[in-house]
Amino acid sequence: MDYELEKLKRRKLLELQRMIMTAPRGEKADPREALKRLFVGRAWEVYRAAWRQYPEIMPKIEEALLAAIRNGRLREKIDGESLYYFFHRIGLPVRLRTTIRIKEHGELKTLQEKLRERL
């Protein structure tokens, strides 16, 4: 009986410690810090492009992402492709700057430069 009670107390104490460790420190935690922990790869590139193209909507989306992180619904890393797909699914077609480059003799050339050489 005492062993089970001690076990429950220990479990509750560990849960409280986890909550304290995950709680934001100071007055208000920087929202970008929470996103930095989850964004990997080209996610920041997609995120910044979305902010440039949709500055009036992005504060609401950022708050929703942060709420999902706080509530534990978002735990996995988010790469650029996943974020791009997310924006597309909610009706924000984010346009990214795209260039085609060709590696030739150890040198990267744009498609335009390559075509210019052939003419």
PDB file of N, CA and C in Angstrom:
ATOM      1  N   MET A   1       0.818  -1.189   0.000  1.00  0.00           N
ATOM      2  CA  MET A   1       0.000   0.000   0.000  1.00  0.00           C
ATOM      3  C   MET A   1       0.870   1.264   0.000  1.00  0.00           C
ATOM      4  N   ASP A   2       1.847   1.312   0.935  1.00  0.00           N
ATOM      5  CA  ASP A   2       2.734   2.465   1.013  1.00  0.00           C
ATOM      6  C   ASP A   2       3.585   2.585  -0.251  1.00  0.00           C
ATOM      7  N   TYR A   3       3.968   1.450  -0.788  1.00  0.00           N
ATOM      8  CA  TYR A   3       4.777   1.452  -1.999  1.00  0.00           C
ATOM      9  C   TYR A   3       4.006   2.086  -3.160  1.00  0.00           C
ATOM     10  N   GLU A   4       2.729   1.743  -3.301  1.00  0.00           N
ATOM     11  CA  GLU A   4       1.897   2.297  -4.371  1.00  0.00           C
ATOM     12  C   GLU A   4       1.682   3.786  -4.176  1.00  0.00           C
ATOM     13  N   LEU A   5       1.488   4.215  -2.943  1.00  0.00           N
ATOM     14  CA  LEU A   5       1.309   5.631  -2.647  1.00  0.00           C
ATOM     15  C   LEU A   5       2.579   6.412  -3.002  1.00  0.00           C
ATOM     16  N   GLU A   6       3.719   5.894  -2.649  1.00  0.00           N
ATOM     17  CA  GLU A   6       4.997   6.528  -2.983  1.00  0.00           C
ATOM     18  C   GLU A   6       5.188   6.593  -4.500  1.00  0.00           C
ATOM     19  N   LYS A   7       4.789   5.533  -5.168  1.00  0.00           N
ATOM     20  CA  LYS A   7       4.902   5.476  -6.623  1.00  0.00           C
ATOM     21  C   LYS A   7       4.032   6.561  -7.274  1.00  0.00           C
ATOM     22  N   LEU A   8       2.807   6.732  -6.775  1.00  0.00           N
ATOM     23  CA  LEU A   8       1.909   7.772  -7.286  1.00  0.00           C
ATOM     24  C   LEU A   8       2.479   9.162  -7.021  1.00  0.00           C
ATOM     25  N   LYS A   9       2.995   9.385  -5.817  1.00  0.00           N
ATOM     26  CA  LYS A   9       3.578  10.681  -5.470  1.00  0.00           C
ATOM     27  C   LYS A   9       4.753  10.996  -6.389  1.00  0.00           C
ATOM     28  N   ARG A  10       5.593  10.010  -6.619  1.00  0.00           N
ATOM     29  CA  ARG A  10       6.757  10.191  -7.476  1.00  0.00           C
ATOM     30  C   ARG A  10       6.330  10.535  -8.907  1.00  0.00           C
ATOM     31  N   ARG A  11       5.303   9.848  -9.402  1.00  0.00           N
ATOM     32  CA  ARG A  11       4.808  10.099 -10.756  1.00  0.00           C
ATOM     33  C   ARG A  11       4.254  11.522 -10.873  1.00  0.00           C
ATOM     34  N   LYS A  12       3.480  11.957  -9.882  1.00  0.00           N
ATOM     35  CA  LYS A  12       2.920  13.315  -9.883  1.00  0.00           C
ATOM     36  C   LYS A  12       4.036  14.356  -9.829  1.00  0.00           C
ATOM     37  N   LEU A  13       5.046  14.101  -9.015  1.00  0.00           N
ATOM     38  CA  LEU A  13       6.168  15.019  -8.904  1.00  0.00           C
ATOM     39  C   LEU A  13       6.905  15.141 -10.238  1.00  0.00           C
ATOM     40  N   LEU A  14       7.097  14.029 -10.917  1.00  0.00           N
ATOM     41  CA  LEU A  14       7.741  14.058 -12.233  1.00  0.00           C
ATOM     42  C   LEU A  14       6.909  14.836 -13.245  1.00  0.00           C
ATOM     43  N   GLU A  15       5.591  14.673 -13.211  1.00  0.00           N
ATOM     44  CA  GLU A  15       4.715  15.419 -14.113  1.00  0.00           C
ATOM     45  C   GLU A  15       4.811  16.913 -13.844  1.00  0.00           C
ATOM     46  N   LEU A  16       4.816  17.303 -12.580  1.00  0.00           N
ATOM     47  CA  LEU A  16       4.946  18.719 -12.235  1.00  0.00           C
ATOM     48  C   LEU A  16       6.286  19.278 -12.696  1.00  0.00           C
ATOM     49  N   GLN A  17       7.339  18.505 -12.535  1.00  0.00           N
ATOM     50  CA  GLN A  17       8.651  18.953 -12.987  1.00  0.00           C
ATOM     51  C   GLN A  17       8.676  19.144 -14.500  1.00  0.00           C
ATOM     52  N   ARG A  18       8.059  18.234 -15.223  1.00  0.00           N
ATOM     53  CA  ARG A  18       7.992  18.370 -16.688  1.00  0.00           C
ATOM     54  C   ARG A  18       7.216  19.616 -17.086  1.00  0.00           C
ATOM     55  N   MET A  19       6.106  19.874 -16.395  1.00  0.00           N
ATOM     56  CA  MET A  19       5.302  21.060 -16.702  1.00  0.00           C
ATOM     57  C   MET A  19       6.100  22.331 -16.440  1.00  0.00           C
ATOM     58  N   ILE A  20       6.844  22.362 -15.357  1.00  0.00           N
ATOM     59  CA  ILE A  20       7.653  23.532 -15.035  1.00  0.00           C
ATOM     60  C   ILE A  20       8.747  23.729 -16.077  1.00  0.00           C
ATOM     61  N   MET A  21       9.355  22.639 -16.512  1.00  0.00           N
ATOM     62  CA  MET A  21      10.437  22.728 -17.496  1.00  0.00           C
ATOM     63  C   MET A  21       9.927  23.195 -18.857  1.00  0.00           C
ATOM     64  N   THR A  22       8.704  22.816 -19.230  1.00  0.00           N
ATOM     65  CA  THR A  22       8.178  23.195 -20.539  1.00  0.00           C
ATOM     66  C   THR A  22       7.462  24.533 -20.512  1.00  0.00           C
ATOM     67  N   ALA A  23       7.166  25.073 -19.332  1.00  0.00           N
ATOM     68  CA  ALA A  23       6.480  26.362 -19.236  1.00  0.00           C
ATOM     69  C   ALA A  23       7.408  27.462 -19.744  1.00  0.00           C
ATOM     70  N   PRO A  24       6.834  28.464 -20.433  1.00  0.00           N
ATOM     71  CA  PRO A  24       7.671  29.557 -20.927  1.00  0.00           C
ATOM     72  C   PRO A  24       8.294  30.336 -19.772  1.00  0.00           C
ATOM     73  N   ARG A  25       9.538  30.701 -19.957  1.00  0.00           N
ATOM     74  CA  ARG A  25      10.242  31.450 -18.918  1.00  0.00           C
ATOM     75  C   ARG A  25      10.048  32.945 -19.147  1.00  0.00           C
ATOM     76  N   GLY A  26      10.095  33.710 -18.088  1.00  0.00           N
ATOM     77  CA  GLY A  26       9.961  35.155 -18.203  1.00  0.00           C
ATOM     78  C   GLY A  26       8.518  35.542 -18.460  1.00  0.00           C
ATOM     79  N   GLU A  27       8.339  36.784 -18.883  1.00  0.00           N
ATOM     80  CA  GLU A  27       6.989  37.291 -19.114  1.00  0.00           C
ATOM     81  C   GLU A  27       6.322  36.581 -20.292  1.00  0.00           C
ATOM     82  N   LYS A  28       7.020  36.617 -21.421  1.00  0.00           N
ATOM     83  CA  LYS A  28       6.433  36.031 -22.624  1.00  0.00           C
ATOM     84  C   LYS A  28       7.561  35.417 -23.449  1.00  0.00           C
ATOM     85  N   ALA A  29       7.449  34.160 -23.748  1.00  0.00           N
ATOM     86  CA  ALA A  29       8.484  33.490 -24.537  1.00  0.00           C
ATOM     87  C   ALA A  29       8.410  33.969 -25.982  1.00  0.00           C
ATOM     88  N   ASP A  30       9.554  34.051 -26.619  1.00  0.00           N
ATOM     89  CA  ASP A  30       9.614  34.464 -28.012  1.00  0.00           C
ATOM     90  C   ASP A  30       8.962  33.384 -28.869  1.00  0.00           C
ATOM     91  N   PRO A  31       7.968  33.756 -29.662  1.00  0.00           N
ATOM     92  CA  PRO A  31       7.278  32.740 -30.469  1.00  0.00           C
ATOM     93  C   PRO A  31       8.205  32.039 -31.454  1.00  0.00           C
ATOM     94  N   ARG A  32       9.211  32.730 -31.929  1.00  0.00           N
ATOM     95  CA  ARG A  32      10.129  32.126 -32.899  1.00  0.00           C
ATOM     96  C   ARG A  32      10.949  31.002 -32.267  1.00  0.00           C
ATOM     97  N   GLU A  33      11.180  31.089 -30.964  1.00  0.00           N
ATOM     98  CA  GLU A  33      11.947  30.040 -30.289  1.00  0.00           C
ATOM     99  C   GLU A  33      11.221  28.697 -30.360  1.00  0.00           C
ATOM    100  N   ALA A  34       9.912  28.723 -30.161  1.00  0.00           N
ATOM    101  CA  ALA A  34       9.130  27.486 -30.239  1.00  0.00           C
ATOM    102  C   ALA A  34       9.167  26.929 -31.661  1.00  0.00           C
ATOM    103  N   LEU A  35       9.104  27.827 -32.641  1.00  0.00           N
ATOM    104  CA  LEU A  35       9.146  27.380 -34.032  1.00  0.00           C
ATOM    105  C   LEU A  35      10.538  26.872 -34.404  1.00  0.00           C
ATOM    106  N   LYS A  36      11.583  27.477 -33.832  1.00  0.00           N
ATOM    107  CA  LYS A  36      12.952  27.036 -34.129  1.00  0.00           C
ATOM    108  C   LYS A  36      13.166  25.582 -33.740  1.00  0.00           C
ATOM    109  N   ARG A  37      12.495  25.169 -32.674  1.00  0.00           N
ATOM    110  CA  ARG A  37      12.664  23.789 -32.226  1.00  0.00           C
ATOM    111  C   ARG A  37      12.043  22.794 -33.199  1.00  0.00           C
ATOM    112  N   LEU A  38      11.009  23.222 -33.938  1.00  0.00           N
ATOM    113  CA  LEU A  38      10.312  22.288 -34.822  1.00  0.00           C
ATOM    114  C   LEU A  38      10.685  22.420 -36.296  1.00  0.00           C
ATOM    115  N   PHE A  39      11.038  23.616 -36.744  1.00  0.00           N
ATOM    116  CA  PHE A  39      11.340  23.819 -38.158  1.00  0.00           C
ATOM    117  C   PHE A  39      12.718  23.257 -38.493  1.00  0.00           C
ATOM    118  N   VAL A  40      12.789  22.491 -39.557  1.00  0.00           N
ATOM    119  CA  VAL A  40      14.055  21.957 -40.052  1.00  0.00           C
ATOM    120  C   VAL A  40      14.116  22.153 -41.563  1.00  0.00           C
ATOM    121  N   GLY A  41      15.314  22.082 -42.099  1.00  0.00           N
ATOM    122  CA  GLY A  41      15.480  22.176 -43.547  1.00  0.00           C
ATOM    123  C   GLY A  41      15.050  23.530 -44.080  1.00  0.00           C
ATOM    124  N   ARG A  42      14.233  23.512 -45.087  1.00  0.00           N
ATOM    125  CA  ARG A  42      13.813  24.743 -45.755  1.00  0.00           C
ATOM    126  C   ARG A  42      12.506  25.303 -45.205  1.00  0.00           C
ATOM    127  N   ALA A  43      12.109  24.876 -44.025  1.00  0.00           N
ATOM    128  CA  ALA A  43      10.850  25.347 -43.436  1.00  0.00           C
ATOM    129  C   ALA A  43      10.866  26.859 -43.226  1.00  0.00           C
ATOM    130  N   TRP A  44      12.005  27.405 -42.788  1.00  0.00           N
ATOM    131  CA  TRP A  44      12.070  28.855 -42.570  1.00  0.00           C
ATOM    132  C   TRP A  44      11.929  29.617 -43.880  1.00  0.00           C
ATOM    133  N   GLU A  45      12.465  29.076 -44.961  1.00  0.00           N
ATOM    134  CA  GLU A  45      12.335  29.726 -46.268  1.00  0.00           C
ATOM    135  C   GLU A  45      10.862  29.809 -46.673  1.00  0.00           C
ATOM    136  N   VAL A  46      10.138  28.727 -46.490  1.00  0.00           N
ATOM    137  CA  VAL A  46       8.707  28.692 -46.815  1.00  0.00           C
ATOM    138  C   VAL A  46       7.945  29.635 -45.886  1.00  0.00           C
ATOM    139  N   TYR A  47       8.293  29.628 -44.615  1.00  0.00           N
ATOM    140  CA  TYR A  47       7.618  30.463 -43.612  1.00  0.00           C
ATOM    141  C   TYR A  47       7.801  31.952 -43.929  1.00  0.00           C
ATOM    142  N   ARG A  48       9.033  32.350 -44.255  1.00  0.00           N
ATOM    143  CA  ARG A  48       9.296  33.762 -44.582  1.00  0.00           C
ATOM    144  C   ARG A  48       8.584  34.174 -45.870  1.00  0.00           C
ATOM    145  N   ALA A  49       8.559  33.276 -46.853  1.00  0.00           N
ATOM    146  CA  ALA A  49       7.855  33.579 -48.104  1.00  0.00           C
ATOM    147  C   ALA A  49       6.368  33.771 -47.833  1.00  0.00           C
ATOM    148  N   ALA A  50       5.800  32.961 -46.959  1.00  0.00           N
ATOM    149  CA  ALA A  50       4.385  33.102 -46.601  1.00  0.00           C
ATOM    150  C   ALA A  50       4.146  34.440 -45.906  1.00  0.00           C
ATOM    151  N   TRP A  51       5.056  34.854 -45.028  1.00  0.00           N
ATOM    152  CA  TRP A  51       4.918  36.150 -44.344  1.00  0.00           C
ATOM    153  C   TRP A  51       4.975  37.297 -45.346  1.00  0.00           C
ATOM    154  N   ARG A  52       5.876  37.204 -46.346  1.00  0.00           N
ATOM    155  CA  ARG A  52       5.973  38.269 -47.345  1.00  0.00           C
ATOM    156  C   ARG A  52       4.714  38.348 -48.198  1.00  0.00           C
ATOM    157  N   GLN A  53       4.132  37.206 -48.536  1.00  0.00           N
ATOM    158  CA  GLN A  53       3.001  37.178 -49.441  1.00  0.00           C
ATOM    159  C   GLN A  53       1.658  37.367 -48.747  1.00  0.00           C
ATOM    160  N   TYR A  54       1.560  36.995 -47.472  1.00  0.00           N
ATOM    161  CA  TYR A  54       0.294  37.078 -46.744  1.00  0.00           C
ATOM    162  C   TYR A  54       0.495  37.702 -45.360  1.00  0.00           C
ATOM    163  N   PRO A  55       0.943  38.964 -45.289  1.00  0.00           N
ATOM    164  CA  PRO A  55       1.234  39.565 -43.981  1.00  0.00           C
ATOM    165  C   PRO A  55       0.000  39.770 -43.106  1.00  0.00           C
ATOM    166  N   GLU A  56      -1.174  39.852 -43.692  1.00  0.00           N
ATOM    167  CA  GLU A  56      -2.383  40.082 -42.893  1.00  0.00           C
ATOM    168  C   GLU A  56      -2.922  38.792 -42.272  1.00  0.00           C
ATOM    169  N   ILE A  57      -2.640  37.654 -42.862  1.00  0.00           N
ATOM    170  CA  ILE A  57      -3.169  36.377 -42.375  1.00  0.00           C
ATOM    171  C   ILE A  57      -2.165  35.635 -41.492  1.00  0.00           C
ATOM    172  N   MET A  58      -0.888  35.825 -41.751  1.00  0.00           N
ATOM    173  CA  MET A  58       0.143  35.051 -41.061  1.00  0.00           C
ATOM    174  C   MET A  58       0.169  35.194 -39.537  1.00  0.00           C
ATOM    175  N   PRO A  59      -0.166  36.360 -38.952  1.00  0.00           N
ATOM    176  CA  PRO A  59      -0.194  36.404 -37.477  1.00  0.00           C
ATOM    177  C   PRO A  59      -1.180  35.401 -36.877  1.00  0.00           C
ATOM    178  N   LYS A  60      -2.317  35.222 -37.530  1.00  0.00           N
ATOM    179  CA  LYS A  60      -3.312  34.256 -37.040  1.00  0.00           C
ATOM    180  C   LYS A  60      -2.800  32.823 -37.191  1.00  0.00           C
ATOM    181  N   ILE A  61      -2.149  32.551 -38.308  1.00  0.00           N
ATOM    182  CA  ILE A  61      -1.617  31.209 -38.542  1.00  0.00           C
ATOM    183  C   ILE A  61      -0.476  30.918 -37.573  1.00  0.00           C
ATOM    184  N   GLU A  62       0.372  31.931 -37.350  1.00  0.00           N
ATOM    185  CA  GLU A  62       1.472  31.748 -36.397  1.00  0.00           C
ATOM    186  C   GLU A  62       0.924  31.439 -35.005  1.00  0.00           C
ATOM    187  N   GLU A  63      -0.108  32.157 -34.597  1.00  0.00           N
ATOM    188  CA  GLU A  63      -0.708  31.916 -33.276  1.00  0.00           C
ATOM    189  C   GLU A  63      -1.306  30.510 -33.197  1.00  0.00           C
ATOM    190  N   ALA A  64      -1.929  30.058 -34.282  1.00  0.00           N
ATOM    191  CA  ALA A  64      -2.499  28.705 -34.297  1.00  0.00           C
ATOM    192  C   ALA A  64      -1.394  27.646 -34.209  1.00  0.00           C
ATOM    193  N   LEU A  65      -0.287  27.871 -34.915  1.00  0.00           N
ATOM    194  CA  LEU A  65       0.843  26.938 -34.838  1.00  0.00           C
ATOM    195  C   LEU A  65       1.418  26.897 -33.423  1.00  0.00           C
ATOM    196  N   LEU A  66       1.572  28.074 -32.815  1.00  0.00           N
ATOM    197  CA  LEU A  66       2.114  28.133 -31.455  1.00  0.00           C
ATOM    198  C   LEU A  66       1.175  27.478 -30.451  1.00  0.00           C
ATOM    199  N   ALA A  67      -0.131  27.661 -30.643  1.00  0.00           N
ATOM    200  CA  ALA A  67      -1.102  27.015 -29.748  1.00  0.00           C
ATOM    201  C   ALA A  67      -1.018  25.495 -29.884  1.00  0.00           C
ATOM    202  N   ALA A  68      -0.858  25.017 -31.106  1.00  0.00           N
ATOM    203  CA  ALA A  68      -0.733  23.569 -31.321  1.00  0.00           C
ATOM    204  C   ALA A  68       0.542  23.031 -30.676  1.00  0.00           C
ATOM    205  N   ILE A  69       1.600  23.820 -30.716  1.00  0.00           N
ATOM    206  CA  ILE A  69       2.852  23.405 -30.069  1.00  0.00           C
ATOM    207  C   ILE A  69       2.668  23.373 -28.557  1.00  0.00           C
ATOM    208  N   ARG A  70       2.049  24.434 -28.017  1.00  0.00           N
ATOM    209  CA  ARG A  70       1.826  24.500 -26.568  1.00  0.00           C
ATOM    210  C   ARG A  70       0.946  23.365 -26.075  1.00  0.00           C
ATOM    211  N   ASN A  71      -0.074  23.023 -26.839  1.00  0.00           N
ATOM    212  CA  ASN A  71      -1.012  21.970 -26.433  1.00  0.00           C
ATOM    213  C   ASN A  71      -0.467  20.568 -26.680  1.00  0.00           C
ATOM    214  N   GLY A  72       0.661  20.483 -27.341  1.00  0.00           N
ATOM    215  CA  GLY A  72       1.269  19.183 -27.587  1.00  0.00           C
ATOM    216  C   GLY A  72       0.749  18.475 -28.821  1.00  0.00           C
ATOM    217  N   ARG A  73      -0.032  19.168 -29.633  1.00  0.00           N
ATOM    218  CA  ARG A  73      -0.538  18.538 -30.857  1.00  0.00           C
ATOM    219  C   ARG A  73       0.528  18.500 -31.947  1.00  0.00           C
ATOM    220  N   LEU A  74       1.494  19.414 -31.875  1.00  0.00           N
ATOM    221  CA  LEU A  74       2.614  19.419 -32.821  1.00  0.00           C
ATOM    222  C   LEU A  74       3.877  19.072 -32.055  1.00  0.00           C
ATOM    223  N   ARG A  75       4.425  17.913 -32.337  1.00  0.00           N
ATOM    224  CA  ARG A  75       5.640  17.477 -31.641  1.00  0.00           C
ATOM    225  C   ARG A  75       6.751  17.123 -32.616  1.00  0.00           C
ATOM    226  N   GLU A  76       6.377  16.716 -33.809  1.00  0.00           N
ATOM    227  CA  GLU A  76       7.366  16.265 -34.788  1.00  0.00           C
ATOM    228  C   GLU A  76       7.985  17.451 -35.513  1.00  0.00           C
ATOM    229  N   LYS A  77       9.162  17.224 -36.068  1.00  0.00           N
ATOM    230  CA  LYS A  77       9.855  18.253 -36.840  1.00  0.00           C
ATOM    231  C   LYS A  77       9.066  18.546 -38.115  1.00  0.00           C
ATOM    232  N   ILE A  78       9.114  19.804 -38.539  1.00  0.00           N
ATOM    233  CA  ILE A  78       8.393  20.236 -39.734  1.00  0.00           C
ATOM    234  C   ILE A  78       9.425  20.680 -40.761  1.00  0.00           C
ATOM    235  N   ASP A  79       9.424  20.027 -41.922  1.00  0.00           N
ATOM    236  CA  ASP A  79      10.352  20.428 -42.972  1.00  0.00           C
ATOM    237  C   ASP A  79       9.645  21.375 -43.939  1.00  0.00           C
ATOM    238  N   GLY A  80      10.394  21.903 -44.888  1.00  0.00           N
ATOM    239  CA  GLY A  80       9.851  22.870 -45.827  1.00  0.00           C
ATOM    240  C   GLY A  80       8.709  22.325 -46.661  1.00  0.00           C
ATOM    241  N   GLU A  81       8.837  21.095 -47.080  1.00  0.00           N
ATOM    242  CA  GLU A  81       7.803  20.479 -47.912  1.00  0.00           C
ATOM    243  C   GLU A  81       6.490  20.333 -47.141  1.00  0.00           C
ATOM    244  N   SER A  82       6.574  19.914 -45.894  1.00  0.00           N
ATOM    245  CA  SER A  82       5.368  19.746 -45.077  1.00  0.00           C
ATOM    246  C   SER A  82       4.688  21.084 -44.824  1.00  0.00           C
ATOM    247  N   LEU A  83       5.490  22.113 -44.544  1.00  0.00           N
ATOM    248  CA  LEU A  83       4.928  23.439 -44.290  1.00  0.00           C
ATOM    249  C   LEU A  83       4.298  24.002 -45.559  1.00  0.00           C
ATOM    250  N   TYR A  84       4.970  23.797 -46.692  1.00  0.00           N
ATOM    251  CA  TYR A  84       4.437  24.239 -47.979  1.00  0.00           C
ATOM    252  C   TYR A  84       3.088  23.574 -48.248  1.00  0.00           C
ATOM    253  N   TYR A  85       3.014  22.270 -48.001  1.00  0.00           N
ATOM    254  CA  TYR A  85       1.776  21.517 -48.195  1.00  0.00           C
ATOM    255  C   TYR A  85       0.687  22.017 -47.243  1.00  0.00           C
ATOM    256  N   PHE A  86       1.053  22.301 -45.994  1.00  0.00           N
ATOM    257  CA  PHE A  86       0.096  22.823 -45.014  1.00  0.00           C
ATOM    258  C   PHE A  86      -0.503  24.139 -45.500  1.00  0.00           C
ATOM    259  N   PHE A  87       0.356  25.062 -45.946  1.00  0.00           N
ATOM    260  CA  PHE A  87      -0.143  26.350 -46.436  1.00  0.00           C
ATOM    261  C   PHE A  87      -1.044  26.158 -47.651  1.00  0.00           C
ATOM    262  N   HIS A  88      -0.662  25.265 -48.528  1.00  0.00           N
ATOM    263  CA  HIS A  88      -1.469  24.996 -49.718  1.00  0.00           C
ATOM    264  C   HIS A  88      -2.845  24.440 -49.328  1.00  0.00           C
ATOM    265  N   ARG A  89      -2.870  23.531 -48.339  1.00  0.00           N
ATOM    266  CA  ARG A  89      -4.133  22.915 -47.899  1.00  0.00           C
ATOM    267  C   ARG A  89      -5.086  23.924 -47.264  1.00  0.00           C
ATOM    268  N   ILE A  90      -4.547  24.948 -46.603  1.00  0.00           N
ATOM    269  CA  ILE A  90      -5.432  25.934 -45.973  1.00  0.00           C
ATOM    270  C   ILE A  90      -5.759  27.093 -46.909  1.00  0.00           C
ATOM    271  N   GLY A  91      -5.322  26.993 -48.157  1.00  0.00           N
ATOM    272  CA  GLY A  91      -5.700  27.985 -49.156  1.00  0.00           C
ATOM    273  C   GLY A  91      -4.706  29.115 -49.347  1.00  0.00           C
ATOM    274  N   LEU A  92      -3.466  28.925 -48.940  1.00  0.00           N
ATOM    275  CA  LEU A  92      -2.428  29.936 -49.139  1.00  0.00           C
ATOM    276  C   LEU A  92      -1.351  29.371 -50.061  1.00  0.00           C
ATOM    277  N   PRO A  93      -1.512  29.554 -51.365  1.00  0.00           N
ATOM    278  CA  PRO A  93      -0.496  29.025 -52.279  1.00  0.00           C
ATOM    279  C   PRO A  93       0.777  29.873 -52.225  1.00  0.00           C
ATOM    280  N   VAL A  94       1.727  29.459 -51.441  1.00  0.00           N
ATOM    281  CA  VAL A  94       2.984  30.191 -51.273  1.00  0.00           C
ATOM    282  C   VAL A  94       3.847  29.965 -52.505  1.00  0.00           C
ATOM    283  N   ARG A  95       4.295  31.061 -53.088  1.00  0.00           N
ATOM    284  CA  ARG A  95       5.161  30.976 -54.258  1.00  0.00           C
ATOM    285  C   ARG A  95       6.612  31.110 -53.803  1.00  0.00           C
ATOM    286  N   LEU A  96       7.421  30.151 -54.189  1.00  0.00           N
ATOM    287  CA  LEU A  96       8.836  30.161 -53.830  1.00  0.00           C
ATOM    288  C   LEU A  96       9.675  30.489 -55.054  1.00  0.00           C
ATOM    289  N   ARG A  97      10.779  31.165 -54.815  1.00  0.00           N
ATOM    290  CA  ARG A  97      11.687  31.491 -55.904  1.00  0.00           C
ATOM    291  C   ARG A  97      12.398  30.205 -56.317  1.00  0.00           C
ATOM    292  N   THR A  98      12.308  29.885 -57.581  1.00  0.00           N
ATOM    293  CA  THR A  98      12.872  28.634 -58.076  1.00  0.00           C
ATOM    294  C   THR A  98      13.863  28.924 -59.196  1.00  0.00           C
ATOM    295  N   THR A  99      15.028  28.311 -59.120  1.00  0.00           N
ATOM    296  CA  THR A  99      16.010  28.415 -60.196  1.00  0.00           C
ATOM    297  C   THR A  99      16.497  27.013 -60.536  1.00  0.00           C
ATOM    298  N   ILE A 100      16.747  26.809 -61.816  1.00  0.00           N
ATOM    299  CA  ILE A 100      17.286  25.530 -62.272  1.00  0.00           C
ATOM    300  C   ILE A 100      18.766  25.751 -62.547  1.00  0.00           C
ATOM    301  N   ARG A 101      19.596  24.957 -61.893  1.00  0.00           N
ATOM    302  CA  ARG A 101      21.043  25.075 -62.087  1.00  0.00           C
ATOM    303  C   ARG A 101      21.608  23.729 -62.520  1.00  0.00           C
ATOM    304  N   ILE A 102      22.612  23.811 -63.377  1.00  0.00           N
ATOM    305  CA  ILE A 102      23.243  22.615 -63.919  1.00  0.00           C
ATOM    306  C   ILE A 102      24.703  22.612 -63.470  1.00  0.00           C
ATOM    307  N   LYS A 103      25.145  21.481 -62.994  1.00  0.00           N
ATOM    308  CA  LYS A 103      26.544  21.359 -62.578  1.00  0.00           C
ATOM    309  C   LYS A 103      27.338  20.804 -63.747  1.00  0.00           C
ATOM    310  N   GLU A 104      28.306  21.593 -64.179  1.00  0.00           N
ATOM    311  CA  GLU A 104      29.125  21.191 -65.318  1.00  0.00           C
ATOM    312  C   GLU A 104      30.585  21.507 -65.012  1.00  0.00           C
ATOM    313  N   HIS A 105      31.417  20.496 -65.029  1.00  0.00           N
ATOM    314  CA  HIS A 105      32.845  20.647 -64.735  1.00  0.00           C
ATOM    315  C   HIS A 105      33.064  21.286 -63.364  1.00  0.00           C
ATOM    316  N   GLY A 106      32.267  20.878 -62.385  1.00  0.00           N
ATOM    317  CA  GLY A 106      32.415  21.381 -61.019  1.00  0.00           C
ATOM    318  C   GLY A 106      31.889  22.786 -60.810  1.00  0.00           C
ATOM    319  N   GLU A 107      31.219  23.337 -61.806  1.00  0.00           N
ATOM    320  CA  GLU A 107      30.708  24.706 -61.720  1.00  0.00           C
ATOM    321  C   GLU A 107      29.187  24.689 -61.898  1.00  0.00           C
ATOM    322  N   LEU A 108      28.492  25.439 -61.051  1.00  0.00           N
ATOM    323  CA  LEU A 108      27.040  25.537 -61.175  1.00  0.00           C
ATOM    324  C   LEU A 108      26.685  26.668 -62.124  1.00  0.00           C
ATOM    325  N   LYS A 109      25.856  26.356 -63.103  1.00  0.00           N
ATOM    326  CA  LYS A 109      25.403  27.354 -64.066  1.00  0.00           C
ATOM    327  C   LYS A 109      23.886  27.346 -64.092  1.00  0.00           C
ATOM    328  N   THR A 110      23.312  28.521 -64.272  1.00  0.00           N
ATOM    329  CA  THR A 110      21.857  28.581 -64.393  1.00  0.00           C
ATOM    330  C   THR A 110      21.473  28.065 -65.773  1.00  0.00           C
ATOM    331  N   LEU A 111      20.229  27.739 -65.927  1.00  0.00           N
ATOM    332  CA  LEU A 111      19.738  27.251 -67.212  1.00  0.00           C
ATOM    333  C   LEU A 111      19.924  28.326 -68.284  1.00  0.00           C
ATOM    334  N   GLN A 112      19.726  29.576 -67.901  1.00  0.00           N
ATOM    335  CA  GLN A 112      19.894  30.686 -68.830  1.00  0.00           C
ATOM    336  C   GLN A 112      21.342  30.762 -69.330  1.00  0.00           C
ATOM    337  N   GLU A 113      22.307  30.629 -68.428  1.00  0.00           N
ATOM    338  CA  GLU A 113      23.717  30.660 -68.828  1.00  0.00           C
ATOM    339  C   GLU A 113      24.055  29.492 -69.749  1.00  0.00           C
ATOM    340  N   LYS A 114      23.524  28.335 -69.440  1.00  0.00           N
ATOM    341  CA  LYS A 114      23.783  27.136 -70.237  1.00  0.00           C
ATOM    342  C   LYS A 114      23.239  27.299 -71.659  1.00  0.00           C
ATOM    343  N   LEU A 115      22.033  27.826 -71.785  1.00  0.00           N
ATOM    344  CA  LEU A 115      21.444  28.035 -73.108  1.00  0.00           C
ATOM    345  C   LEU A 115      22.200  29.110 -73.879  1.00  0.00           C
ATOM    346  N   ARG A 116      22.674  30.128 -73.191  1.00  0.00           N
ATOM    347  CA  ARG A 116      23.419  31.201 -73.829  1.00  0.00           C
ATOM    348  C   ARG A 116      24.736  30.671 -74.411  1.00  0.00           C
ATOM    349  N   GLU A 117      25.364  29.716 -73.718  1.00  0.00           N
ATOM    350  CA  GLU A 117      26.612  29.121 -74.208  1.00  0.00           C
ATOM    351  C   GLU A 117      26.402  28.366 -75.516  1.00  0.00           C
ATOM    352  N   ARG A 118      25.275  27.710 -75.625  1.00  0.00           N
ATOM    353  CA  ARG A 118      25.014  26.883 -76.813  1.00  0.00           C
ATOM    354  C   ARG A 118      24.710  27.712 -78.047  1.00  0.00           C
ATOM    355  N   LEU A 119      24.272  28.943 -77.878  1.00  0.00           N
ATOM    356  CA  LEU A 119      23.921  29.773 -79.041  1.00  0.00           C
ATOM    357  C   LEU A 119      25.092  30.483 -79.569  1.00  0.00           C
TER     358      LEU A 119
END
